[in-house]
Amino acid sequence: MSPDLEENGMMRAALIHRYGGPEELSVQTVPEPEAGPGRVLVDVTLAGLNYADLECRTGEYLRFPLPAVLGVDVVGRRREDGRRVVALLRTGGGYAHVAAPEAAHTVEVPDGVDDEQALGLLEQGATAYGALTLAGRLRPGDAVGVSAAAGGVGHLAVQLARELGASRVVALSSTPEKREYLLSLGADTVLDPADPDLAGRLAESGGLDLFLDSVGGPVLRAGLAGLAPFGRLVSVGARGGVEDAFTMGELTERSAGAQGFWLKHVLTDRALFEGVADHLFRLAAEKRVVARIDRTVPLSGVAGAHRAMAARETIGKVLVDVHREE
């Protein structure tokens, strides 16, 4: 951070003044946030870019008071003691030199995990882990399917499913490059979600015990049709919609269960949040789960990164170096 900016309580940030396309993002000098009750200041090293940021930018997901700094996860130094922390920000504020997360939503990063892996793992990794275990009740020997499997959540879910004892992992992704990458992660089968017989392919070898979906629409329906009796479907997002995706009758026909998962409910339980983070960091330190970093962009590159993510050009996690503007 520029000493002059820091001394004046100012910082650089990428923000929006109105909801809309990526062109609404601009880099400006703004006042640092304040550490209100229950919050801490974090001098940010890297911010994460997530699909939810795109929906926040358009106003489709969460509508923050404008102007708004987007970004829901950061890694950096807690100002009060200099300790390295990764933090989740439910109300945004990550694309900036300084963030003010709730203290309860920060966890210290162990020495064996670098900043990139800590940031790549926490938000998406906790989502994947919670969806597989808390909502999906994954058991050793289960056959697991993962949609959008090359994305931030998906590529970690593939690895975690293996770590948790899945007997078979079926990964869905849209391009040959991404499907090849998923095979390298240990997926047994990779499928194109546009396959007209996707449901039949998922049902092969007795069907799936658990299908983790972040797409919705036809992919969600195919996942349901591909479940084995007593299988479970878990939704962590629905870009393609969930309205009228299935009926209770269809669940009954398959003796299947359907559940949603939202990371918010892990964050509200501090002991659970710390436990999930500790587990993920242990796996990261042992290189048993690795977050793929697709690219690291400067603040001025956030808009372009939004476009790339919307076009499904990214694999894994996109990071923002908030102290680099070109």
C-alpha atoms as a PDB file:
ATOM      1  CA  MET A   1       0.000   0.000   0.000  1.00  0.00           C
ATOM      2  CA  SER A   2       1.237   3.527  -0.711  1.00  0.00           C
ATOM      3  CA  PRO A   3       2.432   5.135   2.554  1.00  0.00           C
ATOM      4  CA  ASP A   4       0.619   8.338   1.602  1.00  0.00           C
ATOM      5  CA  LEU A   5      -2.679   6.515   1.172  1.00  0.00           C
ATOM      6  CA  GLU A   6      -2.231   4.587   4.413  1.00  0.00           C
ATOM      7  CA  GLU A   7      -1.403   7.697   6.407  1.00  0.00           C
ATOM      8  CA  ASN A   8      -4.530   9.409   5.108  1.00  0.00           C
ATOM      9  CA  GLY A   9      -6.803   6.428   5.811  1.00  0.00           C
ATOM     10  CA  MET A  10      -7.382   5.888   2.094  1.00  0.00           C
ATOM     11  CA  MET A  11      -6.961   2.815  -0.105  1.00  0.00           C
ATOM     12  CA  ARG A  12      -7.391   1.578  -3.656  1.00  0.00           C
ATOM     13  CA  ALA A  13     -10.350  -0.654  -4.489  1.00  0.00           C
ATOM     14  CA  ALA A  14     -12.343  -2.002  -7.420  1.00  0.00           C
ATOM     15  CA  LEU A  15     -15.991  -1.038  -7.004  1.00  0.00           C
ATOM     16  CA  ILE A  16     -19.297  -0.534  -8.744  1.00  0.00           C
ATOM     17  CA  HIS A  17     -21.557   2.532  -8.636  1.00  0.00           C
ATOM     18  CA  ARG A  18     -24.477   0.754 -10.264  1.00  0.00           C
ATOM     19  CA  TYR A  19     -25.483  -2.798 -11.056  1.00  0.00           C
ATOM     20  CA  GLY A  20     -24.697  -4.083 -14.513  1.00  0.00           C
ATOM     21  CA  GLY A  21     -21.977  -5.618 -16.657  1.00  0.00           C
ATOM     22  CA  PRO A  22     -18.252  -5.968 -15.990  1.00  0.00           C
ATOM     23  CA  GLU A  23     -17.704  -2.473 -17.392  1.00  0.00           C
ATOM     24  CA  GLU A  24     -19.279  -1.094 -14.207  1.00  0.00           C
ATOM     25  CA  LEU A  25     -16.167  -2.133 -12.240  1.00  0.00           C
ATOM     26  CA  SER A  26     -13.588   0.619 -11.814  1.00  0.00           C
ATOM     27  CA  VAL A  27     -10.504   1.158  -9.646  1.00  0.00           C
ATOM     28  CA  GLN A  28     -10.683   4.205  -7.391  1.00  0.00           C
ATOM     29  CA  THR A  29      -9.233   5.693  -4.219  1.00  0.00           C
ATOM     30  CA  VAL A  30     -11.731   5.399  -1.363  1.00  0.00           C
ATOM     31  CA  PRO A  31     -11.675   5.583   2.451  1.00  0.00           C
ATOM     32  CA  GLU A  32     -10.573   2.482   4.323  1.00  0.00           C
ATOM     33  CA  PRO A  33     -13.407   0.572   6.015  1.00  0.00           C
ATOM     34  CA  GLU A  34     -13.836   0.888   9.761  1.00  0.00           C
ATOM     35  CA  ALA A  35     -13.588  -1.999  12.183  1.00  0.00           C
ATOM     36  CA  GLY A  36     -17.003  -1.753  13.801  1.00  0.00           C
ATOM     37  CA  PRO A  37     -18.219  -3.963  16.645  1.00  0.00           C
ATOM     38  CA  GLY A  38     -17.190  -7.569  16.137  1.00  0.00           C
ATOM     39  CA  ARG A  39     -15.025  -6.769  13.106  1.00  0.00           C
ATOM     40  CA  VAL A  40     -11.291  -6.623  12.452  1.00  0.00           C
ATOM     41  CA  LEU A  41      -9.195  -4.881   9.826  1.00  0.00           C
ATOM     42  CA  VAL A  42      -7.214  -7.055   7.430  1.00  0.00           C
ATOM     43  CA  ASP A  43      -4.475  -5.663   5.202  1.00  0.00           C
ATOM     44  CA  VAL A  44      -5.279  -7.689   2.124  1.00  0.00           C
ATOM     45  CA  THR A  45      -2.648  -9.569   0.154  1.00  0.00           C
ATOM     46  CA  LEU A  46      -4.958 -11.362  -2.284  1.00  0.00           C
ATOM     47  CA  ALA A  47      -8.702 -11.365  -2.892  1.00  0.00           C
ATOM     48  CA  GLY A  48     -10.719 -14.179  -4.410  1.00  0.00           C
ATOM     49  CA  LEU A  49     -13.059 -13.953  -7.365  1.00  0.00           C
ATOM     50  CA  ASN A  50     -16.162 -16.142  -7.165  1.00  0.00           C
ATOM     51  CA  TYR A  51     -19.164 -16.787  -9.364  1.00  0.00           C
ATOM     52  CA  ALA A  52     -21.302 -15.144  -6.690  1.00  0.00           C
ATOM     53  CA  ASP A  53     -19.412 -11.898  -7.367  1.00  0.00           C
ATOM     54  CA  LEU A  54     -20.800 -11.866 -10.903  1.00  0.00           C
ATOM     55  CA  GLU A  55     -24.331 -12.198  -9.558  1.00  0.00           C
ATOM     56  CA  CYS A  56     -23.701  -9.494  -6.951  1.00  0.00           C
ATOM     57  CA  ARG A  57     -22.400  -7.197  -9.701  1.00  0.00           C
ATOM     58  CA  THR A  58     -25.667  -7.560 -11.623  1.00  0.00           C
ATOM     59  CA  GLY A  59     -27.818  -7.403  -8.488  1.00  0.00           C
ATOM     60  CA  GLU A  60     -29.209 -10.903  -9.066  1.00  0.00           C
ATOM     61  CA  TYR A  61     -27.861 -12.388  -5.815  1.00  0.00           C
ATOM     62  CA  LEU A  62     -27.162  -9.905  -3.017  1.00  0.00           C
ATOM     63  CA  ARG A  63     -27.776  -6.191  -3.465  1.00  0.00           C
ATOM     64  CA  PHE A  64     -25.265  -4.171  -1.452  1.00  0.00           C
ATOM     65  CA  PRO A  65     -25.627  -0.426  -0.776  1.00  0.00           C
ATOM     66  CA  LEU A  66     -23.947   1.429  -3.653  1.00  0.00           C
ATOM     67  CA  PRO A  67     -21.194   2.259  -4.337  1.00  0.00           C
ATOM     68  CA  ALA A  68     -19.990  -1.203  -3.357  1.00  0.00           C
ATOM     69  CA  VAL A  69     -16.694  -3.057  -3.250  1.00  0.00           C
ATOM     70  CA  LEU A  70     -17.311  -6.654  -4.275  1.00  0.00           C
ATOM     71  CA  GLY A  71     -15.341  -9.741  -3.238  1.00  0.00           C
ATOM     72  CA  VAL A  72     -16.262 -12.251  -0.535  1.00  0.00           C
ATOM     73  CA  ASP A  73     -12.916 -13.784   0.452  1.00  0.00           C
ATOM     74  CA  VAL A  74      -9.446 -12.419   1.193  1.00  0.00           C
ATOM     75  CA  VAL A  75      -6.125 -13.447   2.674  1.00  0.00           C
ATOM     76  CA  GLY A  76      -3.788 -11.028   4.409  1.00  0.00           C
ATOM     77  CA  ARG A  77      -2.536  -9.757   7.752  1.00  0.00           C
ATOM     78  CA  ARG A  78      -4.825  -8.957  10.651  1.00  0.00           C
ATOM     79  CA  ARG A  79      -3.851  -5.410  11.514  1.00  0.00           C
ATOM     80  CA  GLU A  80      -4.176  -5.739  15.287  1.00  0.00           C
ATOM     81  CA  ASP A  81      -1.524  -8.443  15.607  1.00  0.00           C
ATOM     82  CA  GLY A  82      -0.016  -9.045  12.150  1.00  0.00           C
ATOM     83  CA  ARG A  83      -1.140 -12.658  12.021  1.00  0.00           C
ATOM     84  CA  ARG A  84      -1.855 -14.177   8.621  1.00  0.00           C
ATOM     85  CA  VAL A  85      -5.558 -14.858   8.191  1.00  0.00           C
ATOM     86  CA  VAL A  86      -8.062 -15.808   5.549  1.00  0.00           C
ATOM     87  CA  ALA A  87     -11.503 -14.241   5.871  1.00  0.00           C
ATOM     88  CA  LEU A  88     -14.957 -14.573   4.369  1.00  0.00           C
ATOM     89  CA  LEU A  89     -16.967 -11.394   3.835  1.00  0.00           C
ATOM     90  CA  ARG A  90     -20.685 -11.973   3.553  1.00  0.00           C
ATOM     91  CA  THR A  91     -21.318  -8.339   2.615  1.00  0.00           C
ATOM     92  CA  GLY A  92     -18.427  -7.905   0.175  1.00  0.00           C
ATOM     93  CA  GLY A  93     -15.407  -5.638   0.421  1.00  0.00           C
ATOM     94  CA  GLY A  94     -12.654  -7.943  -0.812  1.00  0.00           C
ATOM     95  CA  TYR A  95     -11.358  -6.173  -3.936  1.00  0.00           C
ATOM     96  CA  ALA A  96      -9.439  -3.639  -1.869  1.00  0.00           C
ATOM     97  CA  HIS A  97      -6.226  -2.935   0.044  1.00  0.00           C
ATOM     98  CA  VAL A  98      -8.091  -3.276   3.353  1.00  0.00           C
ATOM     99  CA  ALA A  99     -11.130  -5.355   4.351  1.00  0.00           C
ATOM    100  CA  ALA A 100     -13.199  -5.403   7.539  1.00  0.00           C
ATOM    101  CA  PRO A 101     -14.573  -8.938   8.011  1.00  0.00           C
ATOM    102  CA  GLU A 102     -16.408 -10.136  11.071  1.00  0.00           C
ATOM    103  CA  ALA A 103     -13.827 -11.513  13.494  1.00  0.00           C
ATOM    104  CA  ALA A 104     -15.801 -14.773  13.717  1.00  0.00           C
ATOM    105  CA  HIS A 105     -15.438 -15.230   9.960  1.00  0.00           C
ATOM    106  CA  THR A 106     -11.636 -15.179   9.986  1.00  0.00           C
ATOM    107  CA  VAL A 107      -9.275 -18.088  10.603  1.00  0.00           C
ATOM    108  CA  GLU A 108      -5.514 -18.096  10.980  1.00  0.00           C
ATOM    109  CA  VAL A 109      -3.499 -19.704   8.192  1.00  0.00           C
ATOM    110  CA  PRO A 110      -0.974 -22.329   9.353  1.00  0.00           C
ATOM    111  CA  ASP A 111       2.653 -22.039   8.291  1.00  0.00           C
ATOM    112  CA  GLY A 112       2.441 -25.034   5.976  1.00  0.00           C
ATOM    113  CA  VAL A 113      -0.149 -23.386   3.721  1.00  0.00           C
ATOM    114  CA  ASP A 114       0.681 -20.437   1.464  1.00  0.00           C
ATOM    115  CA  ASP A 115      -1.613 -17.487   0.782  1.00  0.00           C
ATOM    116  CA  GLU A 116      -2.741 -18.765  -2.616  1.00  0.00           C
ATOM    117  CA  GLN A 117      -3.775 -22.175  -1.336  1.00  0.00           C
ATOM    118  CA  ALA A 118      -5.440 -20.765   1.784  1.00  0.00           C
ATOM    119  CA  LEU A 119      -7.570 -18.433  -0.306  1.00  0.00           C
ATOM    120  CA  GLY A 120      -8.215 -21.012  -3.001  1.00  0.00           C
ATOM    121  CA  LEU A 121      -9.409 -23.526  -0.431  1.00  0.00           C
ATOM    122  CA  LEU A 122     -11.467 -21.803   2.215  1.00  0.00           C
ATOM    123  CA  GLU A 123     -14.628 -20.457   0.578  1.00  0.00           C
ATOM    124  CA  GLN A 124     -15.026 -23.039  -2.185  1.00  0.00           C
ATOM    125  CA  GLY A 125     -13.454 -25.853  -0.180  1.00  0.00           C
ATOM    126  CA  ALA A 126     -15.730 -25.298   2.790  1.00  0.00           C
ATOM    127  CA  THR A 127     -18.692 -25.256   0.407  1.00  0.00           C
ATOM    128  CA  ALA A 128     -17.600 -28.509  -1.216  1.00  0.00           C
ATOM    129  CA  TYR A 129     -16.826 -30.182   2.110  1.00  0.00           C
ATOM    130  CA  GLY A 130     -20.061 -29.041   3.737  1.00  0.00           C
ATOM    131  CA  ALA A 131     -22.166 -30.093   0.758  1.00  0.00           C
ATOM    132  CA  LEU A 132     -20.551 -33.531   0.630  1.00  0.00           C
ATOM    133  CA  THR A 133     -20.578 -34.267   4.367  1.00  0.00           C
ATOM    134  CA  LEU A 134     -23.090 -32.093   6.232  1.00  0.00           C
ATOM    135  CA  ALA A 135     -25.797 -32.086   3.561  1.00  0.00           C
ATOM    136  CA  GLY A 136     -24.841 -35.082   1.419  1.00  0.00           C
ATOM    137  CA  ARG A 137     -23.835 -37.423   4.265  1.00  0.00           C
ATOM    138  CA  LEU A 138     -21.175 -38.976   2.065  1.00  0.00           C
ATOM    139  CA  ARG A 139     -20.176 -42.455   3.242  1.00  0.00           C
ATOM    140  CA  PRO A 140     -17.104 -44.494   2.297  1.00  0.00           C
ATOM    141  CA  GLY A 141     -17.955 -46.547  -0.780  1.00  0.00           C
ATOM    142  CA  ASP A 142     -20.465 -44.054  -2.187  1.00  0.00           C
ATOM    143  CA  ALA A 143     -20.519 -43.235  -5.895  1.00  0.00           C
ATOM    144  CA  VAL A 144     -20.425 -39.444  -6.249  1.00  0.00           C
ATOM    145  CA  GLY A 145     -21.247 -37.155  -9.160  1.00  0.00           C
ATOM    146  CA  VAL A 146     -20.136 -33.505  -9.383  1.00  0.00           C
ATOM    147  CA  SER A 147     -21.430 -30.935 -11.876  1.00  0.00           C
ATOM    148  CA  ALA A 148     -19.357 -27.907 -12.993  1.00  0.00           C
ATOM    149  CA  ALA A 149     -16.496 -30.032 -11.748  1.00  0.00           C
ATOM    150  CA  ALA A 150     -13.680 -27.841 -13.087  1.00  0.00           C
ATOM    151  CA  GLY A 151     -14.963 -24.787 -11.217  1.00  0.00           C
ATOM    152  CA  GLY A 152     -13.821 -23.413  -7.884  1.00  0.00           C
ATOM    153  CA  VAL A 153     -16.129 -25.644  -5.833  1.00  0.00           C
ATOM    154  CA  GLY A 154     -16.237 -28.569  -8.246  1.00  0.00           C
ATOM    155  CA  HIS A 155     -12.522 -29.329  -8.602  1.00  0.00           C
ATOM    156  CA  LEU A 156     -12.185 -29.371  -4.812  1.00  0.00           C
ATOM    157  CA  ALA A 157     -15.301 -31.544  -4.455  1.00  0.00           C
ATOM    158  CA  VAL A 158     -13.758 -34.131  -6.793  1.00  0.00           C
ATOM    159  CA  GLN A 159     -10.619 -34.295  -4.645  1.00  0.00           C
ATOM    160  CA  LEU A 160     -12.520 -34.251  -1.341  1.00  0.00           C
ATOM    161  CA  ALA A 161     -14.875 -37.006  -2.452  1.00  0.00           C
ATOM    162  CA  ARG A 162     -11.843 -39.187  -3.047  1.00  0.00           C
ATOM    163  CA  GLU A 163     -10.343 -38.244   0.329  1.00  0.00           C
ATOM    164  CA  LEU A 164     -13.639 -39.078   2.030  1.00  0.00           C
ATOM    165  CA  GLY A 165     -13.713 -42.576   0.590  1.00  0.00           C
ATOM    166  CA  ALA A 166     -15.891 -42.361  -2.516  1.00  0.00           C
ATOM    167  CA  SER A 167     -15.651 -45.563  -4.551  1.00  0.00           C
ATOM    168  CA  ARG A 168     -16.319 -43.776  -7.833  1.00  0.00           C
ATOM    169  CA  VAL A 169     -16.314 -40.103  -8.872  1.00  0.00           C
ATOM    170  CA  VAL A 170     -18.154 -38.934 -11.993  1.00  0.00           C
ATOM    171  CA  ALA A 171     -17.257 -35.373 -13.028  1.00  0.00           C
ATOM    172  CA  LEU A 172     -19.207 -33.167 -15.442  1.00  0.00           C
ATOM    173  CA  SER A 173     -17.521 -30.407 -17.420  1.00  0.00           C
ATOM    174  CA  SER A 174     -18.051 -28.640 -20.713  1.00  0.00           C
ATOM    175  CA  THR A 175     -14.731 -28.813 -22.598  1.00  0.00           C
ATOM    176  CA  PRO A 176     -12.191 -31.523 -23.471  1.00  0.00           C
ATOM    177  CA  GLU A 177      -9.439 -29.553 -21.695  1.00  0.00           C
ATOM    178  CA  LYS A 178     -11.427 -29.412 -18.470  1.00  0.00           C
ATOM    179  CA  ARG A 179     -12.409 -33.082 -18.678  1.00  0.00           C
ATOM    180  CA  GLU A 180      -8.760 -34.059 -19.155  1.00  0.00           C
ATOM    181  CA  TYR A 181      -7.843 -32.013 -16.086  1.00  0.00           C
ATOM    182  CA  LEU A 182     -10.530 -33.759 -14.020  1.00  0.00           C
ATOM    183  CA  LEU A 183      -9.158 -37.159 -14.967  1.00  0.00           C
ATOM    184  CA  SER A 184      -5.799 -35.986 -13.630  1.00  0.00           C
ATOM    185  CA  LEU A 185      -7.499 -35.193 -10.305  1.00  0.00           C
ATOM    186  CA  GLY A 186      -8.707 -38.767  -9.955  1.00  0.00           C
ATOM    187  CA  ALA A 187     -12.189 -38.663 -11.476  1.00  0.00           C
ATOM    188  CA  ASP A 188     -13.111 -42.122 -12.767  1.00  0.00           C
ATOM    189  CA  THR A 189     -15.488 -40.877 -15.449  1.00  0.00           C
ATOM    190  CA  VAL A 190     -15.838 -37.462 -17.074  1.00  0.00           C
ATOM    191  CA  LEU A 191     -18.979 -36.453 -18.937  1.00  0.00           C
ATOM    192  CA  ASP A 192     -20.130 -33.565 -21.080  1.00  0.00           C
ATOM    193  CA  PRO A 193     -23.207 -31.956 -19.447  1.00  0.00           C
ATOM    194  CA  ALA A 194     -24.577 -31.377 -22.963  1.00  0.00           C
ATOM    195  CA  ASP A 195     -24.694 -35.147 -23.616  1.00  0.00           C
ATOM    196  CA  PRO A 196     -28.318 -35.886 -24.632  1.00  0.00           C
ATOM    197  CA  ASP A 197     -28.166 -39.126 -22.637  1.00  0.00           C
ATOM    198  CA  LEU A 198     -26.575 -37.567 -19.562  1.00  0.00           C
ATOM    199  CA  ALA A 199     -29.113 -39.119 -17.192  1.00  0.00           C
ATOM    200  CA  GLY A 200     -28.457 -42.566 -18.635  1.00  0.00           C
ATOM    201  CA  ARG A 201     -24.703 -42.142 -18.386  1.00  0.00           C
ATOM    202  CA  LEU A 202     -24.994 -41.076 -14.741  1.00  0.00           C
ATOM    203  CA  ALA A 203     -27.194 -44.095 -14.006  1.00  0.00           C
ATOM    204  CA  GLU A 204     -24.607 -46.553 -15.355  1.00  0.00           C
ATOM    205  CA  SER A 205     -22.926 -48.976 -12.925  1.00  0.00           C
ATOM    206  CA  GLY A 206     -25.885 -48.840 -10.588  1.00  0.00           C
ATOM    207  CA  GLY A 207     -26.284 -45.074 -10.391  1.00  0.00           C
ATOM    208  CA  LEU A 208     -24.981 -42.454  -7.988  1.00  0.00           C
ATOM    209  CA  ASP A 209     -25.361 -42.372  -4.226  1.00  0.00           C
ATOM    210  CA  LEU A 210     -24.712 -38.623  -4.137  1.00  0.00           C
ATOM    211  CA  PHE A 211     -24.922 -35.912  -6.802  1.00  0.00           C
ATOM    212  CA  LEU A 212     -23.484 -32.477  -5.973  1.00  0.00           C
ATOM    213  CA  ASP A 213     -24.898 -29.803  -8.277  1.00  0.00           C
ATOM    214  CA  SER A 214     -24.166 -26.107  -8.765  1.00  0.00           C
ATOM    215  CA  VAL A 215     -25.834 -25.688 -12.150  1.00  0.00           C
ATOM    216  CA  GLY A 216     -29.548 -26.446 -11.849  1.00  0.00           C
ATOM    217  CA  GLY A 217     -31.890 -26.796 -14.810  1.00  0.00           C
ATOM    218  CA  PRO A 218     -31.473 -29.876 -17.045  1.00  0.00           C
ATOM    219  CA  VAL A 219     -28.242 -30.917 -15.294  1.00  0.00           C
ATOM    220  CA  LEU A 220     -30.043 -31.055 -11.960  1.00  0.00           C
ATOM    221  CA  ARG A 221     -32.794 -33.180 -13.489  1.00  0.00           C
ATOM    222  CA  ALA A 222     -30.239 -35.521 -15.044  1.00  0.00           C
ATOM    223  CA  GLY A 223     -28.507 -35.845 -11.687  1.00  0.00           C
ATOM    224  CA  LEU A 224     -31.767 -36.814 -10.035  1.00  0.00           C
ATOM    225  CA  ALA A 225     -32.515 -39.376 -12.757  1.00  0.00           C
ATOM    226  CA  GLY A 226     -29.034 -40.835 -12.322  1.00  0.00           C
ATOM    227  CA  LEU A 227     -29.398 -41.511  -8.600  1.00  0.00           C
ATOM    228  CA  ALA A 228     -29.451 -45.019  -7.210  1.00  0.00           C
ATOM    229  CA  PRO A 229     -32.286 -45.906  -4.803  1.00  0.00           C
ATOM    230  CA  PHE A 230     -31.823 -43.942  -1.569  1.00  0.00           C
ATOM    231  CA  GLY A 231     -29.450 -41.567  -3.343  1.00  0.00           C
ATOM    232  CA  ARG A 232     -29.084 -37.929  -2.319  1.00  0.00           C
ATOM    233  CA  LEU A 233     -29.038 -34.788  -4.429  1.00  0.00           C
ATOM    234  CA  VAL A 234     -27.400 -31.657  -2.970  1.00  0.00           C
ATOM    235  CA  SER A 235     -27.698 -28.230  -4.609  1.00  0.00           C
ATOM    236  CA  VAL A 236     -25.186 -25.463  -3.876  1.00  0.00           C
ATOM    237  CA  GLY A 237     -26.299 -23.161  -6.691  1.00  0.00           C
ATOM    238  CA  ALA A 238     -28.611 -23.030  -9.657  1.00  0.00           C
ATOM    239  CA  ARG A 239     -27.533 -20.902 -12.608  1.00  0.00           C
ATOM    240  CA  GLY A 240     -29.989 -22.863 -14.754  1.00  0.00           C
ATOM    241  CA  GLY A 241     -32.855 -22.522 -12.270  1.00  0.00           C
ATOM    242  CA  VAL A 242     -34.512 -24.916  -9.848  1.00  0.00           C
ATOM    243  CA  GLU A 243     -38.162 -23.931 -10.222  1.00  0.00           C
ATOM    244  CA  ASP A 244     -40.188 -27.032 -11.014  1.00  0.00           C
ATOM    245  CA  ALA A 245     -36.948 -29.021 -11.335  1.00  0.00           C
ATOM    246  CA  PHE A 246     -38.608 -32.071  -9.810  1.00  0.00           C
ATOM    247  CA  THR A 247     -41.644 -33.107  -7.829  1.00  0.00           C
ATOM    248  CA  MET A 248     -42.027 -34.966  -4.557  1.00  0.00           C
ATOM    249  CA  GLY A 249     -43.445 -37.800  -6.631  1.00  0.00           C
ATOM    250  CA  GLU A 250     -40.173 -38.110  -8.526  1.00  0.00           C
ATOM    251  CA  LEU A 251     -38.228 -38.233  -5.263  1.00  0.00           C
ATOM    252  CA  THR A 252     -40.567 -40.895  -3.939  1.00  0.00           C
ATOM    253  CA  GLU A 253     -40.221 -42.995  -7.113  1.00  0.00           C
ATOM    254  CA  ARG A 254     -36.466 -43.189  -6.493  1.00  0.00           C
ATOM    255  CA  SER A 255     -36.557 -43.214  -2.674  1.00  0.00           C
ATOM    256  CA  ALA A 256     -34.272 -40.201  -3.149  1.00  0.00           C
ATOM    257  CA  GLY A 257     -33.555 -37.155  -1.044  1.00  0.00           C
ATOM    258  CA  ALA A 258     -32.879 -33.558  -2.096  1.00  0.00           C
ATOM    259  CA  GLN A 259     -31.224 -30.882   0.006  1.00  0.00           C
ATOM    260  CA  GLY A 260     -29.713 -27.457  -0.435  1.00  0.00           C
ATOM    261  CA  PHE A 261     -26.488 -26.215   1.130  1.00  0.00           C
ATOM    262  CA  TRP A 262     -25.474 -22.633   1.970  1.00  0.00           C
ATOM    263  CA  LEU A 263     -22.117 -21.861   3.564  1.00  0.00           C
ATOM    264  CA  LYS A 264     -23.806 -19.206   5.701  1.00  0.00           C
ATOM    265  CA  HIS A 265     -24.951 -21.928   8.084  1.00  0.00           C
ATOM    266  CA  VAL A 266     -21.378 -23.075   8.651  1.00  0.00           C
ATOM    267  CA  LEU A 267     -20.233 -19.504   9.300  1.00  0.00           C
ATOM    268  CA  THR A 268     -22.856 -19.010  12.000  1.00  0.00           C
ATOM    269  CA  ASP A 269     -21.387 -21.923  13.978  1.00  0.00           C
ATOM    270  CA  ARG A 270     -17.866 -20.873  14.954  1.00  0.00           C
ATOM    271  CA  ALA A 271     -16.786 -24.300  16.169  1.00  0.00           C
ATOM    272  CA  LEU A 272     -18.017 -25.921  12.958  1.00  0.00           C
ATOM    273  CA  PHE A 273     -16.341 -23.267  10.796  1.00  0.00           C
ATOM    274  CA  GLU A 274     -13.004 -23.688  12.583  1.00  0.00           C
ATOM    275  CA  GLY A 275     -13.258 -27.470  12.340  1.00  0.00           C
ATOM    276  CA  VAL A 276     -13.904 -27.397   8.588  1.00  0.00           C
ATOM    277  CA  ALA A 277     -11.077 -24.888   8.028  1.00  0.00           C
ATOM    278  CA  ASP A 278      -8.632 -26.941  10.106  1.00  0.00           C
ATOM    279  CA  HIS A 279      -9.504 -30.085   8.159  1.00  0.00           C
ATOM    280  CA  LEU A 280      -9.023 -28.338   4.806  1.00  0.00           C
ATOM    281  CA  PHE A 281      -5.712 -26.784   5.854  1.00  0.00           C
ATOM    282  CA  ARG A 282      -4.404 -30.156   7.053  1.00  0.00           C
ATOM    283  CA  LEU A 283      -5.215 -31.679   3.678  1.00  0.00           C
ATOM    284  CA  ALA A 284      -3.582 -28.712   1.940  1.00  0.00           C
ATOM    285  CA  ALA A 285      -0.416 -28.926   4.046  1.00  0.00           C
ATOM    286  CA  GLU A 286      -0.118 -32.618   3.119  1.00  0.00           C
ATOM    287  CA  LYS A 287      -0.811 -31.804  -0.581  1.00  0.00           C
ATOM    288  CA  ARG A 288      -3.740 -34.213  -0.512  1.00  0.00           C
ATOM    289  CA  VAL A 289      -6.101 -31.485  -1.764  1.00  0.00           C
ATOM    290  CA  VAL A 290      -4.744 -28.741  -4.008  1.00  0.00           C
ATOM    291  CA  ALA A 291      -6.631 -25.659  -5.153  1.00  0.00           C
ATOM    292  CA  ARG A 292      -5.885 -24.920  -8.798  1.00  0.00           C
ATOM    293  CA  ILE A 293      -5.107 -21.236  -9.337  1.00  0.00           C
ATOM    294  CA  ASP A 294      -6.291 -20.379 -12.837  1.00  0.00           C
ATOM    295  CA  ARG A 295      -4.864 -16.865 -12.885  1.00  0.00           C
ATOM    296  CA  THR A 296      -3.948 -13.927 -10.679  1.00  0.00           C
ATOM    297  CA  VAL A 297      -5.080 -10.566 -12.026  1.00  0.00           C
ATOM    298  CA  PRO A 298      -4.383  -6.965 -10.953  1.00  0.00           C
ATOM    299  CA  LEU A 299      -7.159  -4.726  -9.656  1.00  0.00           C
ATOM    300  CA  SER A 300      -7.548  -3.307 -13.151  1.00  0.00           C
ATOM    301  CA  GLY A 301      -8.055  -6.851 -14.451  1.00  0.00           C
ATOM    302  CA  VAL A 302     -11.090  -7.687 -12.318  1.00  0.00           C
ATOM    303  CA  ALA A 303     -13.582  -6.787 -15.052  1.00  0.00           C
ATOM    304  CA  GLY A 304     -11.777  -9.022 -17.542  1.00  0.00           C
ATOM    305  CA  ALA A 305     -11.713 -11.848 -15.025  1.00  0.00           C
ATOM    306  CA  HIS A 306     -15.477 -11.468 -14.543  1.00  0.00           C
ATOM    307  CA  ARG A 307     -15.898 -11.840 -18.314  1.00  0.00           C
ATOM    308  CA  ALA A 308     -13.657 -14.912 -18.429  1.00  0.00           C
ATOM    309  CA  MET A 309     -15.533 -16.596 -15.605  1.00  0.00           C
ATOM    310  CA  ALA A 310     -18.903 -15.825 -17.203  1.00  0.00           C
ATOM    311  CA  ALA A 311     -17.637 -17.372 -20.443  1.00  0.00           C
ATOM    312  CA  ARG A 312     -16.532 -20.502 -18.540  1.00  0.00           C
ATOM    313  CA  GLU A 313     -12.931 -19.958 -19.583  1.00  0.00           C
ATOM    314  CA  THR A 314     -11.497 -20.507 -16.096  1.00  0.00           C
ATOM    315  CA  ILE A 315     -10.515 -23.678 -14.263  1.00  0.00           C
ATOM    316  CA  GLY A 316     -10.366 -23.577 -10.476  1.00  0.00           C
ATOM    317  CA  LYS A 317      -9.804 -20.330  -8.567  1.00  0.00           C
ATOM    318  CA  VAL A 318      -9.162 -16.796  -9.829  1.00  0.00           C
ATOM    319  CA  LEU A 319      -7.205 -14.466  -7.536  1.00  0.00           C
ATOM    320  CA  VAL A 320      -6.806 -10.699  -7.440  1.00  0.00           C
ATOM    321  CA  ASP A 321      -3.488  -9.096  -6.462  1.00  0.00           C
ATOM    322  CA  VAL A 322      -4.982  -5.981  -4.909  1.00  0.00           C
ATOM    323  CA  HIS A 323      -1.655  -4.132  -4.802  1.00  0.00           C
ATOM    324  CA  ARG A 324      -1.026  -4.489  -8.515  1.00  0.00           C
ATOM    325  CA  GLU A 325      -3.034  -2.346 -10.909  1.00  0.00           C
ATOM    326  CA  GLU A 326      -1.422  -3.160 -14.248  1.00  0.00           C
END
